[in-house]
Amino acid sequence: MAIQLTPPFRLTKPTEDYLAGADDIEYTTGVSIKDKLDNVGTEVFKIVKELPTDVSEVNENKIYLVPKTKGSTNNSYNEYKAFINDTTITWELIGSA
């Protein structure tokens, strides 16, 4: 069975199997998918005392956990997602943890 890859990908090693692994595919720029996947951040949450107000300190790919006020029993943190538009940060409460 033939494998079809659309640009910008190409097989670097011919294979009769579907794919022996991510080492067989690379960007046409020469960077392998395996190298890209090895550098993906896996930490989703960031615990902070308060939500950042400076755009340069915010990572839109993180969920920010802010401690709740004293007196909370079961849930200790509010979860927020940041949305940045130029120099403005909008915080959306997405849950409690």
N, C-alpha and C. Protein backbone atom coordinates (compact mmCIF):
# COMPACT_ATOMS: atom_id res chain seq x y z
N MET A 1 0.84 -1.16 0.00
CA MET A 1 0.00 0.00 0.00
C MET A 1 0.89 1.24 0.00
N ALA A 2 0.65 2.14 -0.89
CA ALA A 2 1.47 3.35 -1.02
C ALA A 2 1.08 4.39 0.02
N ILE A 3 2.06 5.14 0.44
CA ILE A 3 1.83 6.23 1.38
C ILE A 3 1.91 7.52 0.59
N GLN A 4 0.91 8.37 0.75
CA GLN A 4 0.94 9.66 0.08
C GLN A 4 1.06 10.75 1.12
N LEU A 5 2.05 11.60 0.97
CA LEU A 5 2.25 12.73 1.85
C LEU A 5 2.18 13.99 1.01
N THR A 6 1.44 14.94 1.50
CA THR A 6 1.36 16.20 0.77
C THR A 6 2.43 17.14 1.31
N PRO A 7 2.95 18.04 0.48
CA PRO A 7 3.96 18.98 0.95
C PRO A 7 3.46 19.71 2.18
N PRO A 8 4.30 20.05 3.10
CA PRO A 8 5.75 20.08 3.04
C PRO A 8 6.42 18.83 3.60
N PHE A 9 5.79 17.66 3.57
CA PHE A 9 6.40 16.45 4.10
C PHE A 9 6.89 15.55 2.98
N ARG A 10 7.91 14.74 3.30
CA ARG A 10 8.40 13.73 2.37
C ARG A 10 8.97 12.58 3.17
N LEU A 11 8.98 11.40 2.59
CA LEU A 11 9.61 10.26 3.24
C LEU A 11 11.11 10.37 3.07
N THR A 12 11.85 10.16 4.14
CA THR A 12 13.30 10.18 4.05
C THR A 12 13.86 8.79 3.83
N LYS A 13 13.08 7.76 4.21
CA LYS A 13 13.49 6.37 4.01
C LYS A 13 12.30 5.64 3.39
N PRO A 14 12.46 5.03 2.24
CA PRO A 14 11.34 4.27 1.68
C PRO A 14 10.96 3.12 2.60
N THR A 15 9.69 2.84 2.70
CA THR A 15 9.24 1.75 3.54
C THR A 15 8.03 1.09 2.91
N GLU A 16 7.91 -0.21 3.08
CA GLU A 16 6.75 -0.92 2.55
C GLU A 16 5.62 -0.94 3.59
N ASP A 17 5.97 -0.78 4.83
CA ASP A 17 4.95 -0.69 5.87
C ASP A 17 4.38 0.73 5.84
N TYR A 18 3.31 0.92 6.61
CA TYR A 18 2.76 2.28 6.65
C TYR A 18 3.85 3.28 7.01
N LEU A 19 4.34 3.21 8.21
CA LEU A 19 5.49 4.00 8.63
C LEU A 19 6.18 3.25 9.75
N ALA A 20 7.47 3.16 9.67
CA ALA A 20 8.21 2.48 10.73
C ALA A 20 8.27 3.35 11.97
N GLY A 21 8.10 4.64 11.81
CA GLY A 21 8.13 5.57 12.93
C GLY A 21 8.24 6.99 12.42
N ALA A 22 8.22 7.92 13.33
CA ALA A 22 8.27 9.33 12.96
C ALA A 22 9.60 9.71 12.33
N ASP A 23 10.64 8.89 12.50
CA ASP A 23 11.94 9.18 11.90
C ASP A 23 11.85 9.17 10.37
N ASP A 24 10.84 8.50 9.82
CA ASP A 24 10.72 8.36 8.37
C ASP A 24 10.14 9.60 7.69
N ILE A 25 9.60 10.53 8.46
CA ILE A 25 8.99 11.72 7.86
C ILE A 25 9.76 12.95 8.33
N GLU A 26 9.97 13.87 7.44
CA GLU A 26 10.57 15.13 7.86
C GLU A 26 9.99 16.26 7.03
N TYR A 27 10.07 17.45 7.59
CA TYR A 27 9.68 18.62 6.82
C TYR A 27 10.64 18.76 5.66
N THR A 28 10.20 19.38 4.58
CA THR A 28 11.12 19.57 3.46
C THR A 28 12.26 20.50 3.83
N THR A 29 12.15 21.18 4.97
CA THR A 29 13.25 22.02 5.45
C THR A 29 14.34 21.19 6.10
N GLY A 30 14.07 19.88 6.31
CA GLY A 30 15.09 19.01 6.90
C GLY A 30 14.89 18.75 8.38
N VAL A 31 13.85 19.30 9.00
CA VAL A 31 13.59 19.07 10.41
C VAL A 31 12.62 17.91 10.53
N SER A 32 12.99 16.88 11.28
CA SER A 32 12.13 15.71 11.38
C SER A 32 10.97 15.96 12.32
N ILE A 33 9.87 15.26 12.09
CA ILE A 33 8.72 15.36 12.97
C ILE A 33 9.09 14.86 14.36
N LYS A 34 9.91 13.83 14.43
CA LYS A 34 10.33 13.31 15.73
C LYS A 34 11.02 14.40 16.54
N ASP A 35 11.91 15.19 15.89
CA ASP A 35 12.58 16.28 16.60
C ASP A 35 11.57 17.30 17.11
N LYS A 36 10.56 17.61 16.31
CA LYS A 36 9.52 18.55 16.73
C LYS A 36 8.74 18.00 17.91
N LEU A 37 8.36 16.72 17.85
CA LEU A 37 7.58 16.13 18.93
C LEU A 37 8.38 16.00 20.21
N ASP A 38 9.68 15.78 20.11
CA ASP A 38 10.53 15.67 21.30
C ASP A 38 10.59 16.98 22.06
N ASN A 39 10.31 18.11 21.39
CA ASN A 39 10.42 19.42 22.01
C ASN A 39 9.07 20.03 22.39
N VAL A 40 8.00 19.25 22.33
CA VAL A 40 6.68 19.76 22.68
C VAL A 40 6.57 19.82 24.20
N GLY A 41 6.11 20.96 24.70
CA GLY A 41 5.90 21.09 26.14
C GLY A 41 4.69 20.30 26.58
N THR A 42 4.83 19.58 27.66
CA THR A 42 3.73 18.74 28.13
C THR A 42 3.07 19.30 29.38
N GLU A 43 3.60 20.36 29.93
CA GLU A 43 3.00 20.96 31.12
C GLU A 43 1.86 21.87 30.68
N VAL A 44 0.67 21.54 31.10
CA VAL A 44 -0.51 22.28 30.68
C VAL A 44 -0.85 23.37 31.68
N PHE A 45 -0.61 23.12 32.95
CA PHE A 45 -1.03 24.03 34.01
C PHE A 45 0.13 24.89 34.51
N LYS A 46 -0.22 26.09 34.95
CA LYS A 46 0.76 26.97 35.59
C LYS A 46 0.08 27.53 36.84
N ILE A 47 0.67 27.28 38.00
CA ILE A 47 0.12 27.77 39.26
C ILE A 47 0.72 29.14 39.55
N VAL A 48 -0.14 30.12 39.76
CA VAL A 48 0.29 31.49 40.06
C VAL A 48 -0.52 32.01 41.24
N LYS A 49 0.02 33.02 41.94
CA LYS A 49 -0.71 33.63 43.05
C LYS A 49 -1.84 34.52 42.55
N GLU A 50 -1.58 35.18 41.41
CA GLU A 50 -2.61 36.02 40.77
C GLU A 50 -2.34 36.02 39.27
N LEU A 51 -3.36 36.35 38.51
CA LEU A 51 -3.23 36.33 37.05
C LEU A 51 -2.29 37.44 36.59
N PRO A 52 -1.37 37.12 35.68
CA PRO A 52 -0.46 38.14 35.16
C PRO A 52 -1.22 39.23 34.40
N THR A 53 -0.68 40.43 34.44
CA THR A 53 -1.30 41.55 33.72
C THR A 53 -0.46 42.01 32.54
N ASP A 54 0.77 41.53 32.45
CA ASP A 54 1.67 41.89 31.36
C ASP A 54 1.61 40.81 30.27
N VAL A 55 1.32 41.21 29.04
CA VAL A 55 1.18 40.28 27.93
C VAL A 55 2.43 39.41 27.76
N SER A 56 3.59 39.97 28.00
CA SER A 56 4.84 39.22 27.82
C SER A 56 5.00 38.09 28.83
N GLU A 57 4.23 38.11 29.90
CA GLU A 57 4.32 37.07 30.93
C GLU A 57 3.27 35.98 30.76
N VAL A 58 2.41 36.10 29.75
CA VAL A 58 1.29 35.17 29.58
C VAL A 58 1.58 34.19 28.45
N ASN A 59 1.29 32.92 28.69
CA ASN A 59 1.39 31.89 27.68
C ASN A 59 -0.02 31.40 27.38
N GLU A 60 -0.50 31.65 26.17
CA GLU A 60 -1.87 31.27 25.80
C GLU A 60 -2.08 29.76 25.77
N ASN A 61 -1.00 28.99 25.79
CA ASN A 61 -1.11 27.53 25.74
C ASN A 61 -1.18 26.90 27.13
N LYS A 62 -1.27 27.71 28.16
CA LYS A 62 -1.32 27.20 29.53
C LYS A 62 -2.68 27.49 30.15
N ILE A 63 -3.05 26.68 31.12
CA ILE A 63 -4.21 26.94 31.96
C ILE A 63 -3.64 27.42 33.29
N TYR A 64 -4.06 28.61 33.70
CA TYR A 64 -3.54 29.23 34.91
C TYR A 64 -4.42 28.85 36.10
N LEU A 65 -3.77 28.35 37.16
CA LEU A 65 -4.45 27.98 38.39
C LEU A 65 -4.16 29.05 39.44
N VAL A 66 -5.23 29.66 39.94
CA VAL A 66 -5.12 30.72 40.95
C VAL A 66 -5.78 30.20 42.22
N PRO A 67 -5.06 30.26 43.35
CA PRO A 67 -5.66 29.78 44.61
C PRO A 67 -6.95 30.53 44.93
N LYS A 68 -7.94 29.79 45.40
CA LYS A 68 -9.19 30.41 45.83
C LYS A 68 -8.96 31.09 47.18
N THR A 69 -9.90 31.93 47.55
CA THR A 69 -9.80 32.59 48.83
C THR A 69 -9.94 31.58 49.95
N LYS A 70 -9.46 31.94 51.12
CA LYS A 70 -9.56 31.04 52.28
C LYS A 70 -11.03 30.76 52.56
N GLY A 71 -11.29 29.59 53.07
CA GLY A 71 -12.65 29.19 53.36
C GLY A 71 -13.18 28.20 52.34
N SER A 72 -12.47 28.05 51.21
CA SER A 72 -12.87 27.05 50.22
C SER A 72 -12.54 25.67 50.77
N THR A 73 -13.43 24.73 50.56
CA THR A 73 -13.20 23.40 51.14
C THR A 73 -12.67 22.41 50.12
N ASN A 74 -13.46 22.04 49.12
CA ASN A 74 -13.05 20.99 48.20
C ASN A 74 -12.13 21.49 47.08
N ASN A 75 -12.53 22.54 46.42
CA ASN A 75 -11.75 23.05 45.28
C ASN A 75 -10.77 24.11 45.76
N SER A 76 -9.50 23.94 45.42
CA SER A 76 -8.47 24.85 45.90
C SER A 76 -8.10 25.93 44.89
N TYR A 77 -8.37 25.70 43.59
CA TYR A 77 -7.93 26.62 42.55
C TYR A 77 -9.06 26.94 41.57
N ASN A 78 -9.04 28.18 41.06
CA ASN A 78 -9.84 28.54 39.90
C ASN A 78 -8.96 28.39 38.68
N GLU A 79 -9.53 27.88 37.59
CA GLU A 79 -8.77 27.66 36.36
C GLU A 79 -9.13 28.72 35.34
N TYR A 80 -8.10 29.34 34.75
CA TYR A 80 -8.32 30.42 33.77
C TYR A 80 -7.56 30.14 32.49
N LYS A 81 -8.14 30.57 31.38
CA LYS A 81 -7.50 30.50 30.06
C LYS A 81 -7.34 31.93 29.57
N ALA A 82 -6.17 32.25 29.05
CA ALA A 82 -5.88 33.60 28.55
C ALA A 82 -6.13 33.70 27.05
N PHE A 83 -6.66 34.82 26.65
CA PHE A 83 -6.81 35.16 25.24
C PHE A 83 -6.18 36.53 25.04
N ILE A 84 -5.24 36.61 24.11
CA ILE A 84 -4.50 37.87 23.90
C ILE A 84 -4.87 38.45 22.55
N ASN A 85 -5.18 39.75 22.56
CA ASN A 85 -5.46 40.51 21.35
C ASN A 85 -4.57 41.74 21.39
N ASP A 86 -3.47 41.69 20.65
CA ASP A 86 -2.45 42.76 20.65
C ASP A 86 -1.88 42.94 22.05
N THR A 87 -2.32 43.97 22.76
CA THR A 87 -1.77 44.24 24.09
C THR A 87 -2.80 44.02 25.19
N THR A 88 -3.94 43.43 24.85
CA THR A 88 -5.01 43.21 25.82
C THR A 88 -5.14 41.73 26.14
N ILE A 89 -5.21 41.43 27.44
CA ILE A 89 -5.42 40.05 27.89
C ILE A 89 -6.85 39.91 28.39
N THR A 90 -7.54 38.91 27.91
CA THR A 90 -8.86 38.58 28.42
C THR A 90 -8.75 37.23 29.11
N TRP A 91 -9.19 37.17 30.35
CA TRP A 91 -9.14 35.92 31.12
C TRP A 91 -10.53 35.32 31.18
N GLU A 92 -10.63 34.04 30.91
CA GLU A 92 -11.90 33.33 30.98
C GLU A 92 -11.79 32.25 32.05
N LEU A 93 -12.72 32.30 33.00
CA LEU A 93 -12.79 31.25 34.03
C LEU A 93 -13.34 30.00 33.37
N ILE A 94 -12.56 28.91 33.41
CA ILE A 94 -12.99 27.70 32.73
C ILE A 94 -13.32 26.56 33.70
N GLY A 95 -13.05 26.75 35.00
CA GLY A 95 -13.39 25.69 35.94
C GLY A 95 -12.72 25.88 37.28
N SER A 96 -12.87 24.88 38.12
CA SER A 96 -12.26 24.85 39.45
C SER A 96 -11.60 23.51 39.65
N ALA A 97 -10.50 23.53 40.34
CA ALA A 97 -9.77 22.28 40.61
C ALA A 97 -9.51 22.14 42.09
